[in-house]
Amino acid sequence: MIAIGYDGIGMRQTASNRRQFLAGTAAAAALGLAGCSMGSSDTTTNSTSPGDGQTPDVNEDTLETTYKSRERYAHPGTSFDDFEDLSKWTALTGDVESNDTSFAGSQSAKLLGENGSNTLIERAADSRDFSDTELSMAVRTTTPSKIAVNVRLVDPFGNQMVRSLRRISQDGDDVAWFRTAPGTFSTSGDAFDITQIERVQVHMLNATTTDATISLDDMRTHPKPDKGYIVLSWDDSRRSYYEDGAPINDEFGFNVTMATAPRLVGGGNFMSVGQLKEREEAGDDICTHGSLATNYTEESGEEIRETMAQNKQWLRNQGFDGANAIVYPGNNYNATVLSEASKYHYIGGMNASGSVNTTGLYSFDPLVLPRTIGNDLSTAKEVVDNVAEFKECGILNFHDFSLNNTMTAGEYEQLLQHIDETGDAIEVITLDELWELRKQGENGSSPA
């Protein structure tokens, strides 16, 4: 397999080559989006790189981003349902009602599941072909730990594809809207006909015996890329990755993203600056983490802002290129975290789950990405298989081979072998590269 980790003649890609790839991808995105309007709610509102006349991503004179990615990329793709007319939707189980708290427009749809019940709503899709189309929607919930959210595409025979956001890592009462583009979780096998979808359903799964609720808004369609993408995400930059994980990645030529907590670098079981620099030169992406002790949701906005600024300054001072990406400590976030993260970072998250938890490529909220915990080899392989088959993106997360949230080194090697065997169906990329792809929006092409 010739992946991001290699150049066109099979040689290992260096960090400078990877930067050339990013520049080329941004230029291609700019050409693909020339003439697109920022003002319409029915067409693409994405813009990309300096080449399209928009603000560049990096300004060396300030730590803050030059624009807020969650605002600029809030309404990608084409409108499918704005939830202004709820008569299009029928509640098959549970209840649905209008809600004047909205992501766009005047209202949203609020799904209610009482006493542990699930809620299922549906609307007609008029035999639409979804072969090359993803769906995204804005969601908001005051009961995040209780639910999973499925989007189901149903054909004329009742067969279905289930696209699923398996877990919402939002914490506390500081509630935020975010966009999700759930990746494929399962289908009805060979019987399912994606070329003639009769109904689109949204299914709120209540995992408790108490009440749960979610609001939906701004459902939009997006093109698929021509292949699947995998991000191998290693948190904390532990020395065990340098010693045991990196050699396996180098064997296959796959680069990873490492989320680094600056205060831990060089101490205890964590990599030194020199080791991090060595891995960046080998092609790995070094982005920012918080700490291992405190979740951002336990801090005030001022405290979060101070920590994010300090961490980004440290990465800048060391010359690391990935300072515009972030992984939240413990995956936890809320409205305040998202507001502060938008000031310093363009991409990150995560909504973390132990189940298959993937995303459409061109339509996720830039700072609320989903990922799958890499503790189980069979689940990780299923992520790879789904991403390859359905042309989506999967982020697999690891920490340390000795921890129960990470598979063994032997299993990890089997996983990378499995990815390699998919051939051209999958490309392994970093968060930095994912950001360049995300900005393409309606432009469904992959990088050359």
Protein backbone atom coordinates (compact mmCIF):
# COMPACT_ATOMS: atom_id res chain seq x y z
CA MET A 1 0.00 0.00 0.00
CA ILE A 2 1.32 3.47 -0.90
CA ALA A 3 -0.01 5.65 1.92
CA ILE A 4 0.64 9.14 3.27
CA GLY A 5 3.77 7.74 4.86
CA TYR A 6 5.42 7.22 1.43
CA ASP A 7 6.19 9.38 -1.54
CA GLY A 8 5.36 8.52 -5.13
CA ILE A 9 8.33 6.19 -5.63
CA GLY A 10 7.90 4.20 -2.45
CA MET A 11 10.39 6.11 -0.27
CA ARG A 12 9.49 7.08 3.27
CA GLN A 13 7.96 10.54 3.46
CA THR A 14 9.89 13.15 5.45
CA ALA A 15 8.32 15.97 7.44
CA SER A 16 9.16 18.46 4.67
CA ASN A 17 7.47 16.23 2.09
CA ARG A 18 4.41 16.05 4.30
CA ARG A 19 4.27 19.84 4.49
CA GLN A 20 4.42 19.93 0.68
CA PHE A 21 1.46 17.53 0.63
CA LEU A 22 -0.51 19.85 2.92
CA ALA A 23 0.26 22.87 0.76
CA GLY A 24 -0.78 20.98 -2.36
CA THR A 25 -4.00 19.80 -0.75
CA ALA A 26 -4.87 23.35 0.32
CA ALA A 27 -4.25 24.64 -3.20
CA ALA A 28 -6.44 21.92 -4.69
CA ALA A 29 -9.18 22.78 -2.21
CA ALA A 30 -8.99 26.45 -3.14
CA LEU A 31 -9.40 25.67 -6.83
CA GLY A 32 -12.28 23.29 -6.14
CA LEU A 33 -14.18 25.88 -4.14
CA ALA A 34 -13.64 28.89 -6.39
CA GLY A 35 -16.89 30.79 -6.77
CA CYS A 36 -18.66 29.16 -3.81
CA SER A 37 -20.78 31.51 -1.72
CA MET A 38 -20.30 32.00 2.02
CA GLY A 39 -23.76 33.45 2.45
CA SER A 40 -26.26 30.81 1.34
CA SER A 41 -27.73 28.27 3.73
CA ASP A 42 -28.54 25.92 0.86
CA THR A 43 -25.08 25.55 -0.64
CA THR A 44 -21.53 25.12 0.56
CA THR A 45 -20.41 27.78 3.02
CA ASN A 46 -16.88 26.44 3.45
CA SER A 47 -13.78 28.30 2.45
CA THR A 48 -10.24 27.06 2.68
CA SER A 49 -6.76 28.41 2.36
CA PRO A 50 -4.97 31.69 1.59
CA GLY A 51 -5.15 30.78 -2.09
CA ASP A 52 -8.90 31.37 -2.24
CA GLY A 53 -8.63 34.89 -0.87
CA GLN A 54 -9.62 33.91 2.66
CA THR A 55 -7.70 34.46 5.88
CA PRO A 56 -4.67 32.17 6.23
CA ASP A 57 -4.65 29.64 9.06
CA VAL A 58 -1.35 30.73 10.60
CA ASN A 59 -0.37 34.14 11.87
CA GLU A 60 3.03 34.01 13.57
CA ASP A 61 2.37 37.31 15.36
CA THR A 62 -0.32 35.86 17.63
CA LEU A 63 -1.19 32.57 19.30
CA GLU A 64 -4.85 32.98 18.39
CA THR A 65 -6.36 31.52 15.25
CA THR A 66 -6.98 33.91 12.39
CA TYR A 67 -10.60 32.76 12.22
CA LYS A 68 -12.88 30.45 14.22
CA SER A 69 -13.17 27.12 12.42
CA ARG A 70 -16.46 26.15 14.07
CA GLU A 71 -18.07 29.31 12.72
CA ARG A 72 -16.53 29.33 9.26
CA TYR A 73 -17.31 25.64 8.70
CA ALA A 74 -20.61 25.48 10.59
CA HIS A 75 -22.87 24.85 7.57
CA PRO A 76 -21.02 22.75 4.99
CA GLY A 77 -22.71 20.96 2.11
CA THR A 78 -26.32 21.32 1.01
CA SER A 79 -29.44 21.62 3.14
CA PHE A 80 -31.53 18.44 3.44
CA ASP A 81 -33.86 19.48 6.28
CA ASP A 82 -33.85 22.67 8.34
CA PHE A 83 -36.45 21.39 10.86
CA GLU A 84 -38.58 24.49 10.35
CA ASP A 85 -41.50 22.25 9.29
CA LEU A 86 -41.80 19.31 11.68
CA SER A 87 -44.84 17.97 9.81
CA LYS A 88 -42.30 16.20 7.56
CA TRP A 89 -41.28 14.05 10.52
CA THR A 90 -43.24 11.29 12.26
CA ALA A 91 -42.40 9.95 15.71
CA LEU A 92 -42.56 6.13 15.58
CA THR A 93 -41.52 5.81 19.22
CA GLY A 94 -41.14 8.48 21.87
CA ASP A 95 -42.03 12.11 21.21
CA VAL A 96 -40.76 14.95 19.02
CA GLU A 97 -41.61 18.61 19.48
CA SER A 98 -40.38 22.00 18.32
CA ASN A 99 -37.71 23.76 20.34
CA ASP A 100 -36.93 27.47 20.07
CA THR A 101 -33.27 26.77 20.93
CA SER A 102 -31.79 26.43 17.46
CA PHE A 103 -28.49 25.99 15.65
CA ALA A 104 -29.81 27.79 12.56
CA GLY A 105 -33.19 29.29 11.75
CA SER A 106 -36.00 29.76 14.24
CA GLN A 107 -36.34 26.29 15.80
CA SER A 108 -35.00 22.78 16.14
CA ALA A 109 -36.59 19.37 16.71
CA LYS A 110 -36.46 18.07 20.28
CA LEU A 111 -36.60 14.28 20.81
CA LEU A 112 -37.81 13.05 24.20
CA GLY A 113 -37.31 9.60 25.66
CA GLU A 114 -38.99 9.14 29.02
CA ASN A 115 -38.19 6.49 31.64
CA GLY A 116 -35.45 4.86 29.60
CA SER A 117 -37.35 4.73 26.33
CA ASN A 118 -35.78 5.30 22.91
CA THR A 119 -37.09 7.83 20.40
CA LEU A 120 -37.32 7.17 16.65
CA ILE A 121 -38.44 9.74 14.08
CA GLU A 122 -38.53 9.50 10.30
CA ARG A 123 -39.26 11.45 7.12
CA ALA A 124 -39.57 10.58 3.43
CA ALA A 125 -36.43 10.56 1.27
CA ASP A 126 -38.17 10.06 -2.14
CA SER A 127 -36.04 7.12 -3.36
CA ARG A 128 -32.86 9.17 -3.20
CA ASP A 129 -29.52 7.56 -4.08
CA PHE A 130 -27.15 7.91 -1.11
CA SER A 131 -24.28 5.91 -2.63
CA ASP A 132 -21.91 8.86 -2.61
CA THR A 133 -23.63 11.03 -0.02
CA GLU A 134 -23.10 11.60 3.70
CA LEU A 135 -25.55 13.20 6.11
CA SER A 136 -24.65 15.52 8.96
CA MET A 137 -26.75 17.40 11.50
CA ALA A 138 -26.32 19.73 14.44
CA VAL A 139 -27.14 18.20 17.83
CA ARG A 140 -27.52 19.51 21.36
CA THR A 141 -28.26 17.44 24.46
CA THR A 142 -28.61 18.03 28.18
CA THR A 143 -28.25 14.27 28.80
CA PRO A 144 -25.04 13.40 26.88
CA SER A 145 -23.89 10.43 28.94
CA LYS A 146 -27.21 8.66 28.47
CA ILE A 147 -27.49 8.47 24.69
CA ALA A 148 -26.15 7.37 21.34
CA VAL A 149 -27.54 8.85 18.12
CA ASN A 150 -28.17 6.87 14.94
CA VAL A 151 -29.07 8.11 11.48
CA ARG A 152 -30.73 5.27 9.59
CA LEU A 153 -31.20 5.07 5.82
CA VAL A 154 -34.08 2.73 4.97
CA ASP A 155 -34.67 1.22 1.51
CA PRO A 156 -38.10 0.19 0.06
CA PHE A 157 -37.80 -3.29 1.59
CA GLY A 158 -37.07 -2.14 5.13
CA ASN A 159 -33.35 -2.88 4.95
CA GLN A 160 -31.18 -0.21 6.48
CA MET A 161 -27.79 1.36 6.92
CA VAL A 162 -27.07 2.63 10.44
CA ARG A 163 -24.72 5.59 10.77
CA SER A 164 -23.94 6.13 14.44
CA LEU A 165 -22.44 8.57 16.92
CA ARG A 166 -21.78 6.05 19.68
CA ARG A 167 -21.00 8.39 22.57
CA ILE A 168 -21.07 12.09 23.43
CA SER A 169 -18.18 13.09 25.70
CA GLN A 170 -19.70 16.46 26.61
CA ASP A 171 -19.65 17.01 30.35
CA GLY A 172 -21.75 19.01 32.80
CA ASP A 173 -24.53 21.55 32.35
CA ASP A 174 -22.62 23.94 30.04
CA VAL A 175 -24.37 22.67 26.90
CA ALA A 176 -23.16 23.23 23.33
CA TRP A 177 -24.44 22.63 19.81
CA PHE A 178 -22.06 20.67 17.59
CA ARG A 179 -22.26 19.11 14.13
CA THR A 180 -21.93 15.37 13.74
CA ALA A 181 -21.59 13.33 10.55
CA PRO A 182 -22.03 9.81 11.93
CA GLY A 183 -20.04 7.13 10.13
CA THR A 184 -21.42 3.72 9.17
CA PHE A 185 -21.92 1.30 12.06
CA SER A 186 -23.81 -1.52 10.33
CA THR A 187 -26.01 -2.40 7.36
CA SER A 188 -28.57 -5.08 6.54
CA GLY A 189 -25.91 -6.87 4.53
CA ASP A 190 -26.18 -7.58 0.82
CA ALA A 191 -29.95 -6.97 0.83
CA PHE A 192 -29.62 -3.24 1.53
CA ASP A 193 -30.08 -0.98 -1.52
CA ILE A 194 -28.50 2.42 -0.92
CA THR A 195 -29.49 3.62 -4.40
CA GLN A 196 -33.17 4.03 -3.47
CA ILE A 197 -33.62 5.31 0.06
CA GLU A 198 -37.28 5.75 0.95
CA ARG A 199 -36.91 7.04 4.52
CA VAL A 200 -34.37 8.80 6.70
CA GLN A 201 -34.68 8.07 10.41
CA VAL A 202 -33.03 9.52 13.50
CA HIS A 203 -32.90 7.16 16.46
CA MET A 204 -31.99 8.37 19.95
CA LEU A 205 -30.86 5.37 22.01
CA ASN A 206 -31.41 5.88 25.73
CA ALA A 207 -28.93 3.78 27.70
CA THR A 208 -30.57 4.42 31.09
CA THR A 209 -33.91 3.94 32.87
CA THR A 210 -34.38 7.70 33.20
CA ASP A 211 -35.34 10.51 30.82
CA ALA A 212 -33.12 11.55 27.90
CA THR A 213 -33.40 14.23 25.25
CA ILE A 214 -31.62 15.62 22.20
CA SER A 215 -32.30 18.50 19.83
CA LEU A 216 -31.61 18.25 16.08
CA ASP A 217 -31.11 20.99 13.50
CA ASP A 218 -29.63 21.83 10.10
CA MET A 219 -29.40 18.36 8.51
CA ARG A 220 -27.18 18.59 5.42
CA THR A 221 -25.79 16.35 2.67
CA HIS A 222 -22.17 16.05 1.61
CA PRO A 223 -20.17 14.14 -1.01
CA LYS A 224 -17.98 11.19 -0.10
CA PRO A 225 -14.26 11.12 -0.90
CA ASP A 226 -12.89 8.48 -3.26
CA LYS A 227 -11.27 6.48 -0.44
CA GLY A 228 -11.31 6.01 3.32
CA TYR A 229 -8.98 7.67 5.82
CA ILE A 230 -7.50 6.48 9.12
CA VAL A 231 -5.86 8.63 11.81
CA LEU A 232 -3.66 6.81 14.34
CA SER A 233 -3.81 9.03 17.43
CA TRP A 234 -1.43 8.49 20.36
CA ASP A 235 -2.12 10.49 23.52
CA ASP A 236 0.41 11.80 26.07
CA SER A 237 3.64 11.15 24.07
CA ARG A 238 4.81 8.42 26.40
CA ARG A 239 8.29 7.02 25.96
CA SER A 240 6.76 3.57 25.35
CA TYR A 241 5.41 4.88 22.04
CA TYR A 242 8.90 6.01 21.04
CA GLU A 243 10.42 2.67 22.01
CA ASP A 244 7.69 0.19 21.04
CA GLY A 245 5.05 1.90 18.87
CA ALA A 246 7.09 4.08 16.52
CA PRO A 247 9.20 1.19 15.14
CA ILE A 248 5.99 -0.63 14.14
CA ASN A 249 4.65 2.47 12.42
CA ASP A 250 7.97 2.98 10.65
CA GLU A 251 7.84 -0.61 9.41
CA PHE A 252 4.62 0.18 7.55
CA GLY A 253 5.41 3.84 6.77
CA PHE A 254 2.40 5.15 8.70
CA ASN A 255 2.60 8.51 10.47
CA VAL A 256 0.65 9.21 13.67
CA THR A 257 -0.62 12.22 15.60
CA MET A 258 0.77 12.54 19.12
CA ALA A 259 -1.08 14.71 21.63
CA THR A 260 1.58 16.15 23.92
CA ALA A 261 1.14 17.67 27.38
CA PRO A 262 4.09 20.12 27.55
CA ARG A 263 4.39 20.00 31.36
CA LEU A 264 5.10 16.26 31.18
CA VAL A 265 7.71 16.30 28.42
CA GLY A 266 11.03 14.85 29.53
CA GLY A 267 9.77 13.63 32.89
CA GLY A 268 9.03 10.15 34.19
CA ASN A 269 7.76 7.92 31.39
CA PHE A 270 7.34 10.69 28.80
CA MET A 271 9.32 11.51 25.68
CA SER A 272 11.96 14.22 25.67
CA VAL A 273 11.93 17.22 23.35
CA GLY A 274 14.66 15.57 21.31
CA GLN A 275 12.64 12.38 20.90
CA LEU A 276 9.55 14.38 19.89
CA LYS A 277 11.61 16.30 17.33
CA GLU A 278 12.98 13.03 16.00
CA ARG A 279 9.47 11.67 15.55
CA GLU A 280 8.28 14.85 13.84
CA GLU A 281 11.19 14.62 11.40
CA ALA A 282 10.10 11.02 10.73
CA GLY A 283 6.62 12.34 9.77
CA ASP A 284 4.62 12.13 13.00
CA ASP A 285 2.45 15.12 13.90
CA ILE A 286 2.88 16.70 17.36
CA CYS A 287 -0.26 18.49 18.58
CA THR A 288 -1.36 19.85 21.96
CA HIS A 289 -2.92 18.02 24.90
CA GLY A 290 -3.89 19.43 28.28
CA SER A 291 -2.73 17.60 31.35
CA LEU A 292 -3.37 14.14 32.73
CA ALA A 293 -4.68 15.45 36.05
CA THR A 294 -7.39 17.99 35.19
CA ASN A 295 -10.21 18.01 32.65
CA TYR A 296 -10.89 21.35 30.99
CA THR A 297 -14.53 21.07 32.05
CA GLU A 298 -13.38 21.46 35.67
CA GLU A 299 -11.75 24.82 34.92
CA SER A 300 -13.05 28.33 34.27
CA GLY A 301 -12.84 29.94 30.87
CA GLU A 302 -9.90 32.06 32.03
CA GLU A 303 -8.02 29.00 33.31
CA ILE A 304 -8.67 27.07 30.09
CA ARG A 305 -7.55 30.05 28.01
CA GLU A 306 -4.32 30.40 30.00
CA THR A 307 -3.50 26.69 29.71
CA MET A 308 -4.24 26.52 25.98
CA ALA A 309 -2.15 29.64 25.30
CA GLN A 310 0.78 28.31 27.33
CA ASN A 311 0.66 24.90 25.66
CA LYS A 312 0.46 26.37 22.17
CA GLN A 313 3.31 28.79 22.94
CA TRP A 314 5.46 25.87 24.09
CA LEU A 315 4.81 23.95 20.86
CA ARG A 316 5.56 27.07 18.83
CA ASN A 317 8.77 27.70 20.77
CA GLN A 318 9.94 24.15 20.06
CA GLY A 319 9.13 24.56 16.37
CA PHE A 320 6.41 21.89 16.17
CA ASP A 321 4.01 22.25 13.23
CA GLY A 322 0.92 20.73 14.88
CA ALA A 323 0.15 23.53 17.34
CA ASN A 324 -3.20 24.28 15.66
CA ALA A 325 -4.67 20.89 16.65
CA ILE A 326 -5.81 19.81 20.13
CA VAL A 327 -6.96 16.73 22.01
CA TYR A 328 -8.97 17.52 25.15
CA PRO A 329 -7.81 15.82 28.36
CA GLY A 330 -10.12 12.90 29.09
CA ASN A 331 -12.00 13.77 25.86
CA ASN A 332 -14.30 15.98 27.96
CA TYR A 333 -15.60 19.29 26.64
CA ASN A 334 -18.50 21.72 27.06
CA ALA A 335 -19.60 25.04 25.56
CA THR A 336 -16.85 26.97 27.36
CA VAL A 337 -14.14 24.54 26.26
CA LEU A 338 -15.29 24.80 22.63
CA SER A 339 -15.39 28.59 22.81
CA GLU A 340 -11.84 28.79 24.20
CA ALA A 341 -10.47 26.07 21.91
CA SER A 342 -11.79 27.98 18.89
CA LYS A 343 -9.49 30.88 19.80
CA TYR A 344 -6.32 28.79 19.58
CA HIS A 345 -7.02 25.68 17.53
CA TYR A 346 -8.70 24.67 14.27
CA ILE A 347 -9.29 20.94 14.73
CA GLY A 348 -9.54 18.39 17.55
CA GLY A 349 -11.90 16.91 20.11
CA MET A 350 -13.00 14.11 20.86
CA ASN A 351 -16.27 12.18 21.30
CA ALA A 352 -14.61 8.90 22.36
CA SER A 353 -16.22 5.45 22.32
CA GLY A 354 -15.18 1.83 22.69
CA SER A 355 -17.46 0.91 19.78
CA VAL A 356 -17.01 1.66 16.09
CA ASN A 357 -17.25 5.46 16.03
CA THR A 358 -16.37 7.02 12.65
CA THR A 359 -17.29 10.13 10.68
CA GLY A 360 -17.99 11.53 7.24
CA LEU A 361 -14.94 13.38 5.93
CA TYR A 362 -16.19 16.79 4.83
CA SER A 363 -18.82 17.64 7.42
CA PHE A 364 -17.80 17.09 11.06
CA ASP A 365 -17.55 19.87 13.63
CA PRO A 366 -13.83 20.74 13.48
CA LEU A 367 -13.43 20.71 17.28
CA VAL A 368 -15.76 17.82 18.16
CA LEU A 369 -14.30 14.91 16.21
CA PRO A 370 -15.28 11.34 17.11
CA ARG A 371 -12.75 8.58 17.72
CA THR A 372 -12.63 4.92 18.68
CA ILE A 373 -10.64 3.70 21.68
CA GLY A 374 -7.95 1.31 20.44
CA ASN A 375 -8.14 -1.33 23.14
CA ASP A 376 -9.76 -4.11 21.10
CA LEU A 377 -8.23 -5.45 17.90
CA SER A 378 -11.47 -6.77 16.42
CA THR A 379 -13.25 -3.42 16.94
CA ALA A 380 -10.29 -1.54 15.43
CA LYS A 381 -10.31 -3.85 12.40
CA GLU A 382 -14.04 -3.22 12.01
CA VAL A 383 -13.32 0.52 11.97
CA VAL A 384 -10.78 -0.08 9.20
CA ASP A 385 -13.16 -2.27 7.20
CA ASN A 386 -16.04 0.21 7.47
CA VAL A 387 -13.85 3.17 6.55
CA ALA A 388 -12.54 1.31 3.50
CA GLU A 389 -15.96 0.12 2.33
CA PHE A 390 -17.95 3.29 2.95
CA LYS A 391 -15.26 5.93 2.24
CA GLU A 392 -15.33 7.57 5.66
CA CYS A 393 -12.79 8.56 8.30
CA GLY A 394 -11.85 6.68 11.45
CA ILE A 395 -9.65 7.94 14.29
CA LEU A 396 -8.15 5.15 16.41
CA ASN A 397 -6.77 6.19 19.81
CA PHE A 398 -3.92 4.65 21.82
CA HIS A 399 -1.91 5.49 24.95
CA ASP A 400 0.48 2.77 26.14
CA PHE A 401 0.67 -0.94 25.31
CA SER A 402 0.72 -1.71 29.04
CA LEU A 403 -2.63 0.03 29.70
CA ASN A 404 -6.08 -1.54 29.35
CA ASN A 405 -7.21 1.24 26.99
CA THR A 406 -4.65 0.14 24.39
CA MET A 407 -4.19 -3.17 22.58
CA THR A 408 -0.90 -5.06 22.87
CA ALA A 409 2.09 -4.34 20.63
CA GLY A 410 1.50 -7.60 18.78
CA GLU A 411 -2.12 -6.71 18.15
CA TYR A 412 -1.11 -3.23 17.02
CA GLU A 413 1.20 -4.73 14.43
CA GLN A 414 -1.68 -6.94 13.25
CA LEU A 415 -3.86 -3.84 12.97
CA LEU A 416 -1.33 -1.99 10.83
CA GLN A 417 -0.94 -5.09 8.67
CA HIS A 418 -4.72 -5.11 8.23
CA ILE A 419 -4.68 -1.44 7.19
CA ASP A 420 -1.82 -2.10 4.78
CA GLU A 421 -3.74 -4.96 3.16
CA THR A 422 -6.61 -2.63 2.20
CA GLY A 423 -4.33 -1.22 -0.50
CA ASP A 424 -5.58 2.01 -2.08
CA ALA A 425 -8.93 1.84 -0.24
CA ILE A 426 -7.44 3.59 2.81
CA GLU A 427 -4.94 6.37 3.37
CA VAL A 428 -3.30 6.89 6.78
CA ILE A 429 -3.15 10.59 7.67
CA THR A 430 -2.51 12.90 10.63
CA LEU A 431 -4.89 15.42 12.21
CA ASP A 432 -3.08 18.18 10.35
CA GLU A 433 -3.78 16.43 7.05
CA LEU A 434 -7.37 15.71 8.08
CA TRP A 435 -7.87 19.43 8.63
CA GLU A 436 -6.73 20.19 5.08
CA LEU A 437 -9.19 17.60 3.74
CA ARG A 438 -12.03 18.89 5.94
CA LYS A 439 -11.65 22.36 4.49
CA GLN A 440 -12.38 21.05 1.01
CA GLY A 441 -16.04 20.78 1.99
CA GLU A 442 -18.18 20.34 -1.10
CA ASN A 443 -15.13 19.58 -3.23
CA GLY A 444 -15.27 15.78 -3.15
CA SER A 445 -11.81 15.14 -4.59
CA SER A 446 -8.98 13.54 -2.68
CA PRO A 447 -5.43 14.84 -2.80
CA ALA A 448 -3.30 13.78 -5.76
